[in-house]
Structure formats: C-alpha cells, structure tokens
Amino acid sequence: MPALSFVAWVAVIITQATAPAEAASGWGGDVNWRRAFDRVYSKSCVITDYGAQGDDSTDNTKFIQSAIDDCVGQAGTSLVVPKGIFRTYSLTVEKATNFTILLDDEAVLRGGTLEGWPHPHGAVTDFITISNSHQVDIAGGLIDGGGTDILRIII
C-alpha cells in the first residue's frame, strides 16, 4: 500500500457557524435545526434517513453517497450530518449548485479504517471529492480523514 495514496487524508477541522441562540445548546439540543434548515433549503437530506449509523464502526459510504446523489439534483439543498461519528470511505459530490454539507456541532465524518483500503466501491481516492459544482459549502462539526492512523504507518 503506497504511503503517497494517503497524502490527501488530512484531518480537517471545519469551524462551526451557529446562530447565537443555538450556541448554548448546540444543534442537537433544544433547537430544532432540521426544521429550520427545511425552511431555508428547498430540500434537506439527513444521512440517517438513508441508513447511516453514527456508531464509529459501520461503513456508511453507500448510505451517505446515496443521500448526496439524491440531494444534489436540485439547487439549494443541504446534506445534514446529525450528532454521531460516521465512518466512510471516498465520497463524491458532482454537478451540485448551491449545496451545503451541514454537520451538527457534535458530528464527525471519519475516514474508514486503513484495513478497508482499497475500498470495495473502487480505487483509493480523495476522502471527499467535489467536482463540476458551484457554491458548495461545508459547515459545522469535524471532518477527520484519519491522518493520525496514516502517520503511524509512514513514521
């Protein structure tokens, strides 16, 4: 397994952007964040509605990719990642316009285990690929590509 194939796996912390009223309780608390975003976006796709489990062990790739594919079909949509740790391999956002990946402040998208690469869904690629798209935002939570696991192999 070439070490260079994992260079793209870098832990990235996305700063969370919450309204002052939400800051105290977080999006998973008293504020009904899903209803709020349903009013703002023409369509919201919550990954758990597609079968994803935030248990830090389930391979959620096909569930999350299905939600992405369903969500990017129209402008002004959001992919919602609720509280939990969601393991996944490569995800692709293609031909999206005015699309937001919105992570709850206690949500983590975590790269699959090293033993899982190359992934059965295809060759090793970037963790999240966004192509042929316009105005794509990622907000909230944490995206952890698994960089510390990779460094243990390289060092």
C-alpha atoms as a PDB file:
ATOM      1  CA  MET A   1       0.000   0.000   0.000  1.00  0.00           C
ATOM      2  CA  PRO A   2       1.785   3.156  -1.156  1.00  0.00           C
ATOM      3  CA  ALA A   3       2.039   5.838   1.511  1.00  0.00           C
ATOM      4  CA  LEU A   4       1.540   8.607  -1.057  1.00  0.00           C
ATOM      5  CA  SER A   5      -2.010   7.449  -1.755  1.00  0.00           C
ATOM      6  CA  PHE A   6      -2.929   8.645   1.710  1.00  0.00           C
ATOM      7  CA  VAL A   7      -1.478  12.144   1.447  1.00  0.00           C
ATOM      8  CA  ALA A   8      -4.993  13.512   0.850  1.00  0.00           C
ATOM      9  CA  TRP A   9      -6.110  12.031   4.173  1.00  0.00           C
ATOM     10  CA  VAL A  10      -5.529  15.005   6.391  1.00  0.00           C
ATOM     11  CA  ALA A  11      -7.642  15.779   9.408  1.00  0.00           C
ATOM     12  CA  VAL A  12      -9.576  18.955   8.726  1.00  0.00           C
ATOM     13  CA  ILE A  13     -11.466  20.848  11.349  1.00  0.00           C
ATOM     14  CA  ILE A  14     -14.302  22.861   9.923  1.00  0.00           C
ATOM     15  CA  THR A  15     -15.227  25.796  12.095  1.00  0.00           C
ATOM     16  CA  GLN A  16     -18.785  25.707  13.167  1.00  0.00           C
ATOM     17  CA  ALA A  17     -21.099  28.553  12.309  1.00  0.00           C
ATOM     18  CA  THR A  18     -24.076  28.696  14.616  1.00  0.00           C
ATOM     19  CA  ALA A  19     -26.510  31.429  15.480  1.00  0.00           C
ATOM     20  CA  PRO A  20     -26.187  32.904  18.992  1.00  0.00           C
ATOM     21  CA  ALA A  21     -29.429  31.232  20.159  1.00  0.00           C
ATOM     22  CA  GLU A  22     -28.067  27.857  19.109  1.00  0.00           C
ATOM     23  CA  ALA A  23     -24.618  28.275  20.625  1.00  0.00           C
ATOM     24  CA  ALA A  24     -25.645  27.305  24.153  1.00  0.00           C
ATOM     25  CA  SER A  25     -27.450  24.071  23.323  1.00  0.00           C
ATOM     26  CA  GLY A  26     -25.858  23.061  20.010  1.00  0.00           C
ATOM     27  CA  TRP A  27     -27.882  21.967  17.009  1.00  0.00           C
ATOM     28  CA  GLY A  28     -28.683  18.626  18.600  1.00  0.00           C
ATOM     29  CA  GLY A  29     -30.182  20.214  21.739  1.00  0.00           C
ATOM     30  CA  ASP A  30     -33.293  22.315  22.218  1.00  0.00           C
ATOM     31  CA  VAL A  31     -33.184  23.956  18.785  1.00  0.00           C
ATOM     32  CA  ASN A  32     -34.993  22.044  16.053  1.00  0.00           C
ATOM     33  CA  TRP A  33     -32.212  22.501  13.498  1.00  0.00           C
ATOM     34  CA  ARG A  34     -33.760  20.120  10.979  1.00  0.00           C
ATOM     35  CA  ARG A  35     -36.992  22.132  10.759  1.00  0.00           C
ATOM     36  CA  ALA A  36     -35.011  25.369  10.493  1.00  0.00           C
ATOM     37  CA  PHE A  37     -32.986  24.074   7.573  1.00  0.00           C
ATOM     38  CA  ASP A  38     -36.038  22.590   5.861  1.00  0.00           C
ATOM     39  CA  ARG A  39     -37.391  26.156   5.716  1.00  0.00           C
ATOM     40  CA  VAL A  40     -34.145  27.607   4.342  1.00  0.00           C
ATOM     41  CA  TYR A  41     -33.276  24.915   1.802  1.00  0.00           C
ATOM     42  CA  SER A  42     -35.652  23.504  -0.774  1.00  0.00           C
ATOM     43  CA  LYS A  43     -34.554  20.015   0.239  1.00  0.00           C
ATOM     44  CA  SER A  44     -32.609  18.583   3.167  1.00  0.00           C
ATOM     45  CA  CYS A  45     -31.219  15.058   3.108  1.00  0.00           C
ATOM     46  CA  VAL A  46     -30.398  13.726   6.583  1.00  0.00           C
ATOM     47  CA  ILE A  47     -27.913  10.868   6.210  1.00  0.00           C
ATOM     48  CA  THR A  48     -29.551   8.778   8.954  1.00  0.00           C
ATOM     49  CA  ASP A  49     -32.752   8.769   6.872  1.00  0.00           C
ATOM     50  CA  TYR A  50     -30.712   6.863   4.267  1.00  0.00           C
ATOM     51  CA  GLY A  51     -29.457   4.249   6.744  1.00  0.00           C
ATOM     52  CA  ALA A  52     -26.228   5.816   8.061  1.00  0.00           C
ATOM     53  CA  GLN A  53     -25.339   4.985  11.664  1.00  0.00           C
ATOM     54  CA  GLY A  54     -23.178   7.237  13.830  1.00  0.00           C
ATOM     55  CA  ASP A  55     -21.626   4.384  15.813  1.00  0.00           C
ATOM     56  CA  ASP A  56     -17.964   4.867  14.679  1.00  0.00           C
ATOM     57  CA  SER A  57     -17.826   1.374  13.177  1.00  0.00           C
ATOM     58  CA  THR A  58     -20.431   0.948  10.412  1.00  0.00           C
ATOM     59  CA  ASP A  59     -19.250   1.569   6.844  1.00  0.00           C
ATOM     60  CA  ASN A  60     -21.663   4.365   5.895  1.00  0.00           C
ATOM     61  CA  THR A  61     -20.240   5.040   2.420  1.00  0.00           C
ATOM     62  CA  LYS A  62     -23.195   3.746   0.401  1.00  0.00           C
ATOM     63  CA  PHE A  63     -25.740   5.446   2.701  1.00  0.00           C
ATOM     64  CA  ILE A  64     -24.032   8.840   2.641  1.00  0.00           C
ATOM     65  CA  GLN A  65     -23.305   8.654  -1.104  1.00  0.00           C
ATOM     66  CA  SER A  66     -26.967   7.782  -1.722  1.00  0.00           C
ATOM     67  CA  ALA A  67     -28.036  10.836   0.295  1.00  0.00           C
ATOM     68  CA  ILE A  68     -25.595  13.038  -1.641  1.00  0.00           C
ATOM     69  CA  ASP A  69     -26.791  11.718  -5.003  1.00  0.00           C
ATOM     70  CA  ASP A  70     -30.421  12.273  -4.026  1.00  0.00           C
ATOM     71  CA  CYS A  71     -29.743  15.737  -2.654  1.00  0.00           C
ATOM     72  CA  VAL A  72     -27.691  17.343  -5.453  1.00  0.00           C
ATOM     73  CA  GLY A  73     -30.476  17.009  -8.015  1.00  0.00           C
ATOM     74  CA  GLN A  74     -31.827  20.493  -7.339  1.00  0.00           C
ATOM     75  CA  ALA A  75     -30.296  23.813  -6.358  1.00  0.00           C
ATOM     76  CA  GLY A  76     -30.455  24.954  -2.752  1.00  0.00           C
ATOM     77  CA  THR A  77     -30.149  21.620  -0.991  1.00  0.00           C
ATOM     78  CA  SER A  78     -28.344  20.521   2.140  1.00  0.00           C
ATOM     79  CA  LEU A  79     -26.826  17.248   3.279  1.00  0.00           C
ATOM     80  CA  VAL A  80     -27.332  17.063   7.035  1.00  0.00           C
ATOM     81  CA  VAL A  81     -24.984  15.028   9.240  1.00  0.00           C
ATOM     82  CA  PRO A  82     -26.511  14.722  12.732  1.00  0.00           C
ATOM     83  CA  LYS A  83     -24.700  14.018  16.019  1.00  0.00           C
ATOM     84  CA  GLY A  84     -22.532  10.892  15.847  1.00  0.00           C
ATOM     85  CA  ILE A  85     -19.314   9.504  14.374  1.00  0.00           C
ATOM     86  CA  PHE A  86     -19.934   8.344  10.808  1.00  0.00           C
ATOM     87  CA  ARG A  87     -17.226   6.128   9.250  1.00  0.00           C
ATOM     88  CA  THR A  88     -16.997   6.398   5.474  1.00  0.00           C
ATOM     89  CA  TYR A  89     -14.645   5.976   2.559  1.00  0.00           C
ATOM     90  CA  SER A  90     -14.499   8.152  -0.567  1.00  0.00           C
ATOM     91  CA  LEU A  91     -17.488  10.408  -1.186  1.00  0.00           C
ATOM     92  CA  THR A  92     -18.193  12.348  -4.385  1.00  0.00           C
ATOM     93  CA  VAL A  93     -20.299  15.452  -4.919  1.00  0.00           C
ATOM     94  CA  GLU A  94     -20.850  16.091  -8.640  1.00  0.00           C
ATOM     95  CA  LYS A  95     -22.857  18.712 -10.500  1.00  0.00           C
ATOM     96  CA  ALA A  96     -24.128  20.408  -7.350  1.00  0.00           C
ATOM     97  CA  THR A  97     -25.299  24.014  -7.234  1.00  0.00           C
ATOM     98  CA  ASN A  98     -25.852  25.950  -4.004  1.00  0.00           C
ATOM     99  CA  PHE A  99     -25.238  22.797  -1.960  1.00  0.00           C
ATOM    100  CA  THR A 100     -24.293  22.642   1.727  1.00  0.00           C
ATOM    101  CA  ILE A 101     -22.846  19.785   3.739  1.00  0.00           C
ATOM    102  CA  LEU A 102     -24.027  20.700   7.212  1.00  0.00           C
ATOM    103  CA  LEU A 103     -22.557  18.858  10.195  1.00  0.00           C
ATOM    104  CA  ASP A 104     -24.102  19.085  13.648  1.00  0.00           C
ATOM    105  CA  ASP A 105     -21.614  20.556  16.126  1.00  0.00           C
ATOM    106  CA  GLU A 106     -21.213  17.042  17.604  1.00  0.00           C
ATOM    107  CA  ALA A 107     -20.977  15.269  14.224  1.00  0.00           C
ATOM    108  CA  VAL A 108     -17.834  13.647  12.804  1.00  0.00           C
ATOM    109  CA  LEU A 109     -17.264  12.309   9.296  1.00  0.00           C
ATOM    110  CA  ARG A 110     -14.366   9.910   9.842  1.00  0.00           C
ATOM    111  CA  GLY A 111     -12.337   8.112   7.207  1.00  0.00           C
ATOM    112  CA  GLY A 112     -12.674   4.342   7.047  1.00  0.00           C
ATOM    113  CA  THR A 113     -10.077   2.087   8.599  1.00  0.00           C
ATOM    114  CA  LEU A 114      -6.801   1.542   6.791  1.00  0.00           C
ATOM    115  CA  GLU A 115      -7.591  -2.162   6.510  1.00  0.00           C
ATOM    116  CA  GLY A 116     -10.546  -1.197   4.309  1.00  0.00           C
ATOM    117  CA  TRP A 117      -8.416   0.419   1.575  1.00  0.00           C
ATOM    118  CA  PRO A 118      -8.541  -0.085  -1.300  1.00  0.00           C
ATOM    119  CA  HIS A 119     -12.251   0.190  -0.749  1.00  0.00           C
ATOM    120  CA  PRO A 120     -14.580  -2.352  -2.390  1.00  0.00           C
ATOM    121  CA  HIS A 121     -16.512   0.500  -4.057  1.00  0.00           C
ATOM    122  CA  GLY A 122     -13.496   1.485  -6.152  1.00  0.00           C
ATOM    123  CA  ALA A 123      -9.878   2.583  -6.061  1.00  0.00           C
ATOM    124  CA  VAL A 124      -8.385   4.704  -3.322  1.00  0.00           C
ATOM    125  CA  THR A 125      -9.237   8.340  -3.993  1.00  0.00           C
ATOM    126  CA  ASP A 126      -9.670  11.560  -2.063  1.00  0.00           C
ATOM    127  CA  PHE A 127     -11.814  11.462   1.047  1.00  0.00           C
ATOM    128  CA  ILE A 128     -14.345  13.980  -0.311  1.00  0.00           C
ATOM    129  CA  THR A 129     -14.258  14.946  -3.993  1.00  0.00           C
ATOM    130  CA  ILE A 130     -16.312  17.907  -5.215  1.00  0.00           C
ATOM    131  CA  SER A 131     -16.338  18.360  -8.994  1.00  0.00           C
ATOM    132  CA  ASN A 132     -18.307  20.246 -11.652  1.00  0.00           C
ATOM    133  CA  SER A 133     -20.103  22.089  -8.857  1.00  0.00           C
ATOM    134  CA  HIS A 134     -20.814  25.691  -7.864  1.00  0.00           C
ATOM    135  CA  GLN A 135     -21.279  27.288  -4.440  1.00  0.00           C
ATOM    136  CA  VAL A 136     -20.659  24.215  -2.285  1.00  0.00           C
ATOM    137  CA  ASP A 137     -20.246  24.902   1.436  1.00  0.00           C
ATOM    138  CA  ILE A 138     -19.195  22.694   4.336  1.00  0.00           C
ATOM    139  CA  ALA A 139     -20.104  23.918   7.815  1.00  0.00           C
ATOM    140  CA  GLY A 140     -20.034  22.697  11.406  1.00  0.00           C
ATOM    141  CA  GLY A 141     -18.714  19.545  13.029  1.00  0.00           C
ATOM    142  CA  LEU A 142     -15.466  17.763  12.220  1.00  0.00           C
ATOM    143  CA  ILE A 143     -14.115  16.006   9.143  1.00  0.00           C
ATOM    144  CA  ASP A 144     -11.415  13.526  10.181  1.00  0.00           C
ATOM    145  CA  GLY A 145      -9.666  11.852   7.268  1.00  0.00           C
ATOM    146  CA  GLY A 146      -7.701   9.543   9.548  1.00  0.00           C
ATOM    147  CA  GLY A 147      -4.370  11.322   9.257  1.00  0.00           C
ATOM    148  CA  THR A 148      -3.052  10.060  12.607  1.00  0.00           C
ATOM    149  CA  ASP A 149      -3.519   6.413  11.532  1.00  0.00           C
ATOM    150  CA  ILE A 150      -1.645   7.122   8.314  1.00  0.00           C
ATOM    151  CA  LEU A 151       1.210   8.874  10.123  1.00  0.00           C
ATOM    152  CA  ARG A 152       1.735   5.736  12.243  1.00  0.00           C
ATOM    153  CA  ILE A 153       2.405   3.787   9.050  1.00  0.00           C
ATOM    154  CA  ILE A 154       4.658   6.403   7.459  1.00  0.00           C
ATOM    155  CA  ILE A 155       6.772   7.147  10.529  1.00  0.00           C
END
